[in-house]
């Protein structure tokens, strides 16, 4: 199990593609989701999926046995009918993710620092942790 340790010992950086995807996520109405993975060789986060995903599409896009980091803007309506959205940072770490969880934890920390104005952080180990009403009910 030395590979995960060497993977973690390298500094985590946000690739130019990662930074571009984050800027696009913030500025483009047609992008509400970016899913990140580590590049090969590891140590640099890169966008894997960038798009306007429904909640169901987001959940389906997450691998069952690999960790991922996600920025997601969840749309919802208030009880009064006003349309709102919340920005979330999601750490997807399913039980089968294996030995790279520490590296994704470091990547999650790097994203939290870069996205200091995103105050809702979610760690999800299974899809029901990402249930729509649960995400909407989170208060940053």
C-alpha atoms as a PDB file:
ATOM      1  CA  UNK A   1       0.000   0.000   0.000  1.00  0.00           C
ATOM      2  CA  UNK A   2       2.898   2.375  -0.549  1.00  0.00           C
ATOM      3  CA  UNK A   3       1.335   3.968  -3.661  1.00  0.00           C
ATOM      4  CA  UNK A   4      -1.375   5.874  -1.738  1.00  0.00           C
ATOM      5  CA  UNK A   5       1.274   7.209   0.629  1.00  0.00           C
ATOM      6  CA  UNK A   6       3.463   8.480  -2.216  1.00  0.00           C
ATOM      7  CA  UNK A   7       0.332   9.836  -3.882  1.00  0.00           C
ATOM      8  CA  UNK A   8      -0.471  11.857  -0.766  1.00  0.00           C
ATOM      9  CA  UNK A   9       3.085  12.990  -0.137  1.00  0.00           C
ATOM     10  CA  UNK A  10       3.096  15.013  -3.363  1.00  0.00           C
ATOM     11  CA  UNK A  11       1.696  18.518  -3.089  1.00  0.00           C
ATOM     12  CA  UNK A  12      -1.876  18.835  -4.316  1.00  0.00           C
ATOM     13  CA  UNK A  13      -2.388  21.439  -7.000  1.00  0.00           C
ATOM     14  CA  UNK A  14      -5.351  22.706  -8.924  1.00  0.00           C
ATOM     15  CA  UNK A  15      -4.586  22.340 -12.625  1.00  0.00           C
ATOM     16  CA  UNK A  16      -5.153  25.182 -15.056  1.00  0.00           C
ATOM     17  CA  UNK A  17      -8.093  23.160 -16.369  1.00  0.00           C
ATOM     18  CA  UNK A  18      -9.443  22.879 -12.820  1.00  0.00           C
ATOM     19  CA  UNK A  19      -9.185  26.638 -12.263  1.00  0.00           C
ATOM     20  CA  UNK A  20     -10.813  27.316 -15.647  1.00  0.00           C
ATOM     21  CA  UNK A  21     -13.663  24.909 -14.823  1.00  0.00           C
ATOM     22  CA  UNK A  22     -14.214  26.592 -11.447  1.00  0.00           C
ATOM     23  CA  UNK A  23     -14.351  30.021 -13.092  1.00  0.00           C
ATOM     24  CA  UNK A  24     -16.773  28.708 -15.716  1.00  0.00           C
ATOM     25  CA  UNK A  25     -18.907  27.154 -12.950  1.00  0.00           C
ATOM     26  CA  UNK A  26     -19.098  30.512 -11.188  1.00  0.00           C
ATOM     27  CA  UNK A  27     -19.777  32.598 -14.281  1.00  0.00           C
ATOM     28  CA  UNK A  28     -21.685  30.463 -16.786  1.00  0.00           C
ATOM     29  CA  UNK A  29     -25.372  29.824 -16.309  1.00  0.00           C
ATOM     30  CA  UNK A  30     -25.136  26.623 -18.338  1.00  0.00           C
ATOM     31  CA  UNK A  31     -22.674  25.021 -15.893  1.00  0.00           C
ATOM     32  CA  UNK A  32     -23.944  23.985 -12.467  1.00  0.00           C
ATOM     33  CA  UNK A  33     -21.675  20.993 -11.872  1.00  0.00           C
ATOM     34  CA  UNK A  34     -17.990  20.173 -12.096  1.00  0.00           C
ATOM     35  CA  UNK A  35     -16.712  16.749 -11.055  1.00  0.00           C
ATOM     36  CA  UNK A  36     -12.971  16.512 -10.395  1.00  0.00           C
ATOM     37  CA  UNK A  37     -10.593  13.569 -10.353  1.00  0.00           C
ATOM     38  CA  UNK A  38      -6.848  13.285  -9.964  1.00  0.00           C
ATOM     39  CA  UNK A  39      -4.784  13.319 -13.141  1.00  0.00           C
ATOM     40  CA  UNK A  40      -2.329  10.611 -14.031  1.00  0.00           C
ATOM     41  CA  UNK A  41       0.320  10.960 -12.667  1.00  0.00           C
ATOM     42  CA  UNK A  42      -1.502  11.877  -9.459  1.00  0.00           C
ATOM     43  CA  UNK A  43      -1.162  15.121  -7.594  1.00  0.00           C
ATOM     44  CA  UNK A  44      -3.169  17.462  -9.795  1.00  0.00           C
ATOM     45  CA  UNK A  45      -6.937  17.847  -9.793  1.00  0.00           C
ATOM     46  CA  UNK A  46      -8.518  18.012 -13.237  1.00  0.00           C
ATOM     47  CA  UNK A  47     -12.151  18.363 -14.331  1.00  0.00           C
ATOM     48  CA  UNK A  48     -13.752  15.095 -15.388  1.00  0.00           C
ATOM     49  CA  UNK A  49     -17.306  16.349 -16.005  1.00  0.00           C
ATOM     50  CA  UNK A  50     -18.403  19.934 -16.546  1.00  0.00           C
ATOM     51  CA  UNK A  51     -22.017  20.610 -17.354  1.00  0.00           C
ATOM     52  CA  UNK A  52     -25.559  21.420 -16.380  1.00  0.00           C
ATOM     53  CA  UNK A  53     -26.596  18.241 -14.604  1.00  0.00           C
ATOM     54  CA  UNK A  54     -29.862  17.483 -12.933  1.00  0.00           C
ATOM     55  CA  UNK A  55     -29.625  16.075  -9.452  1.00  0.00           C
ATOM     56  CA  UNK A  56     -30.248  12.561 -10.782  1.00  0.00           C
ATOM     57  CA  UNK A  57     -27.573  12.985 -13.469  1.00  0.00           C
ATOM     58  CA  UNK A  58     -25.084  14.130 -10.839  1.00  0.00           C
ATOM     59  CA  UNK A  59     -25.695  11.061  -8.690  1.00  0.00           C
ATOM     60  CA  UNK A  60     -25.444   8.762 -11.740  1.00  0.00           C
ATOM     61  CA  UNK A  61     -22.171  10.393 -12.853  1.00  0.00           C
ATOM     62  CA  UNK A  62     -20.374   9.480  -9.615  1.00  0.00           C
ATOM     63  CA  UNK A  63     -18.394   6.231  -9.774  1.00  0.00           C
ATOM     64  CA  UNK A  64     -19.403   3.521  -7.323  1.00  0.00           C
ATOM     65  CA  UNK A  65     -15.835   2.618  -6.382  1.00  0.00           C
ATOM     66  CA  UNK A  66     -13.757   5.790  -6.794  1.00  0.00           C
ATOM     67  CA  UNK A  67     -13.581   9.060  -4.878  1.00  0.00           C
ATOM     68  CA  UNK A  68     -14.403  12.338  -6.590  1.00  0.00           C
ATOM     69  CA  UNK A  69     -14.690  16.001  -5.659  1.00  0.00           C
ATOM     70  CA  UNK A  70     -17.686  17.958  -6.898  1.00  0.00           C
ATOM     71  CA  UNK A  71     -18.811  21.557  -6.997  1.00  0.00           C
ATOM     72  CA  UNK A  72     -22.546  21.709  -7.517  1.00  0.00           C
ATOM     73  CA  UNK A  73     -25.099  24.489  -7.592  1.00  0.00           C
ATOM     74  CA  UNK A  74     -28.350  22.937  -6.437  1.00  0.00           C
ATOM     75  CA  UNK A  75     -31.487  24.802  -7.562  1.00  0.00           C
ATOM     76  CA  UNK A  76     -34.597  24.871  -5.393  1.00  0.00           C
ATOM     77  CA  UNK A  77     -37.710  26.900  -4.625  1.00  0.00           C
ATOM     78  CA  UNK A  78     -38.476  28.369  -1.224  1.00  0.00           C
ATOM     79  CA  UNK A  79     -41.861  27.642   0.404  1.00  0.00           C
ATOM     80  CA  UNK A  80     -42.886  31.093  -0.833  1.00  0.00           C
ATOM     81  CA  UNK A  81     -42.046  30.070  -4.412  1.00  0.00           C
ATOM     82  CA  UNK A  82     -38.865  32.112  -4.870  1.00  0.00           C
ATOM     83  CA  UNK A  83     -36.191  30.409  -6.973  1.00  0.00           C
ATOM     84  CA  UNK A  84     -32.859  30.004  -5.189  1.00  0.00           C
ATOM     85  CA  UNK A  85     -29.658  28.037  -5.453  1.00  0.00           C
ATOM     86  CA  UNK A  86     -26.938  26.897  -3.087  1.00  0.00           C
ATOM     87  CA  UNK A  87     -23.335  26.198  -3.963  1.00  0.00           C
ATOM     88  CA  UNK A  88     -21.967  22.979  -2.504  1.00  0.00           C
ATOM     89  CA  UNK A  89     -18.580  21.340  -2.320  1.00  0.00           C
ATOM     90  CA  UNK A  90     -19.031  17.569  -2.203  1.00  0.00           C
ATOM     91  CA  UNK A  91     -16.451  14.984  -1.208  1.00  0.00           C
ATOM     92  CA  UNK A  92     -17.661  11.711  -2.762  1.00  0.00           C
ATOM     93  CA  UNK A  93     -15.890   8.833  -1.058  1.00  0.00           C
ATOM     94  CA  UNK A  94     -17.785   5.551  -1.441  1.00  0.00           C
ATOM     95  CA  UNK A  95     -16.713   2.530   0.631  1.00  0.00           C
ATOM     96  CA  UNK A  96     -14.993   0.925  -2.375  1.00  0.00           C
ATOM     97  CA  UNK A  97     -12.825   4.003  -3.050  1.00  0.00           C
ATOM     98  CA  UNK A  98      -9.746   2.272  -1.715  1.00  0.00           C
ATOM     99  CA  UNK A  99      -6.373   3.762  -0.956  1.00  0.00           C
ATOM    100  CA  UNK A 100      -6.695   7.229  -2.471  1.00  0.00           C
ATOM    101  CA  UNK A 101      -9.062   8.679   0.113  1.00  0.00           C
ATOM    102  CA  UNK A 102      -6.224  10.584   1.805  1.00  0.00           C
ATOM    103  CA  UNK A 103      -5.244  12.245  -1.467  1.00  0.00           C
ATOM    104  CA  UNK A 104      -8.840  13.252  -2.151  1.00  0.00           C
ATOM    105  CA  UNK A 105      -9.027  14.620   1.395  1.00  0.00           C
ATOM    106  CA  UNK A 106      -6.045  16.841   0.574  1.00  0.00           C
ATOM    107  CA  UNK A 107      -7.713  17.867  -2.698  1.00  0.00           C
ATOM    108  CA  UNK A 108     -10.926  18.629  -0.821  1.00  0.00           C
ATOM    109  CA  UNK A 109      -8.962  20.879   1.526  1.00  0.00           C
ATOM    110  CA  UNK A 110      -7.334  22.655  -1.442  1.00  0.00           C
ATOM    111  CA  UNK A 111     -10.741  23.249  -3.034  1.00  0.00           C
ATOM    112  CA  UNK A 112     -12.212  24.510   0.257  1.00  0.00           C
ATOM    113  CA  UNK A 113      -9.381  27.028   0.505  1.00  0.00           C
ATOM    114  CA  UNK A 114      -9.829  28.130  -3.103  1.00  0.00           C
ATOM    115  CA  UNK A 115     -13.628  28.348  -2.743  1.00  0.00           C
ATOM    116  CA  UNK A 116     -13.684  30.193   0.578  1.00  0.00           C
ATOM    117  CA  UNK A 117     -17.141  31.635  -0.184  1.00  0.00           C
ATOM    118  CA  UNK A 118     -18.707  28.179  -0.619  1.00  0.00           C
ATOM    119  CA  UNK A 119     -19.841  27.403   2.909  1.00  0.00           C
ATOM    120  CA  UNK A 120     -21.752  24.160   2.449  1.00  0.00           C
ATOM    121  CA  UNK A 121     -19.489  21.124   2.491  1.00  0.00           C
ATOM    122  CA  UNK A 122     -20.829  17.607   2.155  1.00  0.00           C
ATOM    123  CA  UNK A 123     -19.042  14.313   2.648  1.00  0.00           C
ATOM    124  CA  UNK A 124     -20.997  11.502   1.013  1.00  0.00           C
ATOM    125  CA  UNK A 125     -20.192   7.810   1.256  1.00  0.00           C
ATOM    126  CA  UNK A 126     -23.377   6.586  -0.427  1.00  0.00           C
ATOM    127  CA  UNK A 127     -25.933   8.075  -2.772  1.00  0.00           C
ATOM    128  CA  UNK A 128     -28.592   8.627  -0.103  1.00  0.00           C
ATOM    129  CA  UNK A 129     -26.201  11.144   1.505  1.00  0.00           C
ATOM    130  CA  UNK A 130     -26.815  13.190  -1.650  1.00  0.00           C
ATOM    131  CA  UNK A 131     -30.611  12.969  -1.559  1.00  0.00           C
ATOM    132  CA  UNK A 132     -32.061  16.136  -3.097  1.00  0.00           C
ATOM    133  CA  UNK A 133     -34.153  17.269  -0.107  1.00  0.00           C
ATOM    134  CA  UNK A 134     -31.170  16.723   2.187  1.00  0.00           C
ATOM    135  CA  UNK A 135     -28.963  18.937  -0.007  1.00  0.00           C
ATOM    136  CA  UNK A 136     -31.635  21.630  -0.254  1.00  0.00           C
ATOM    137  CA  UNK A 137     -32.087  21.535   3.531  1.00  0.00           C
ATOM    138  CA  UNK A 138     -28.430  22.234   4.260  1.00  0.00           C
ATOM    139  CA  UNK A 139     -27.878  25.699   5.618  1.00  0.00           C
ATOM    140  CA  UNK A 140     -24.543  27.396   5.006  1.00  0.00           C
END
